[in-house]
Amino acid sequence: MIKNELLKGIHHAAIICSDYEKSKSFYHQVLGLPIIAEHYRKERDSYKLDLQLPDGCQLEIFSFTNSPPRPSYPEARGLRHLAFSVENIEEVVTYLKSKDIDVEEVRLDEYTGKHYTFFSDPDNLPLELYQK
């Protein structure tokens, strides 16, 4: 059993991408996440990019040569999606659409009464917007 006081929150989530520069541009330029650190690991021919979220959490972007694709969307075993909290979901949806990013229709969570929607990153990984 894990006690609530042992875990303080999520430190980071990690994503393996197929095109490092495209993913870096998407998360840094389009979504506006500041870069904390960027490293090229020659022995792995791999990049590691650390990005900062406003709440202190981090997003790590990795590139690996010949990494296998995700088996299905979004019900593959493993991480189902990554959700970002937003103040105004309609404003963020409008912004993403202005960047030619497809965004699903905004839905209402029947249990919390909060609005949410999904979109994808350059590797078709499922991302969610969830209004606070």
Foldseek 3Di string as FASTA:
>chain_A
DDDPVVDDDAAEEEDEDADVVQLCCCVCVLVPWDWPDWDQDVVQRKIWTWTADPVNHIYIYMYGPPDDAQPDAQPGPDDREAEDEDADVVVSCVSCVVVVWDKDDWDADPVPRWIKTWTAGPSRGIYMYTYD
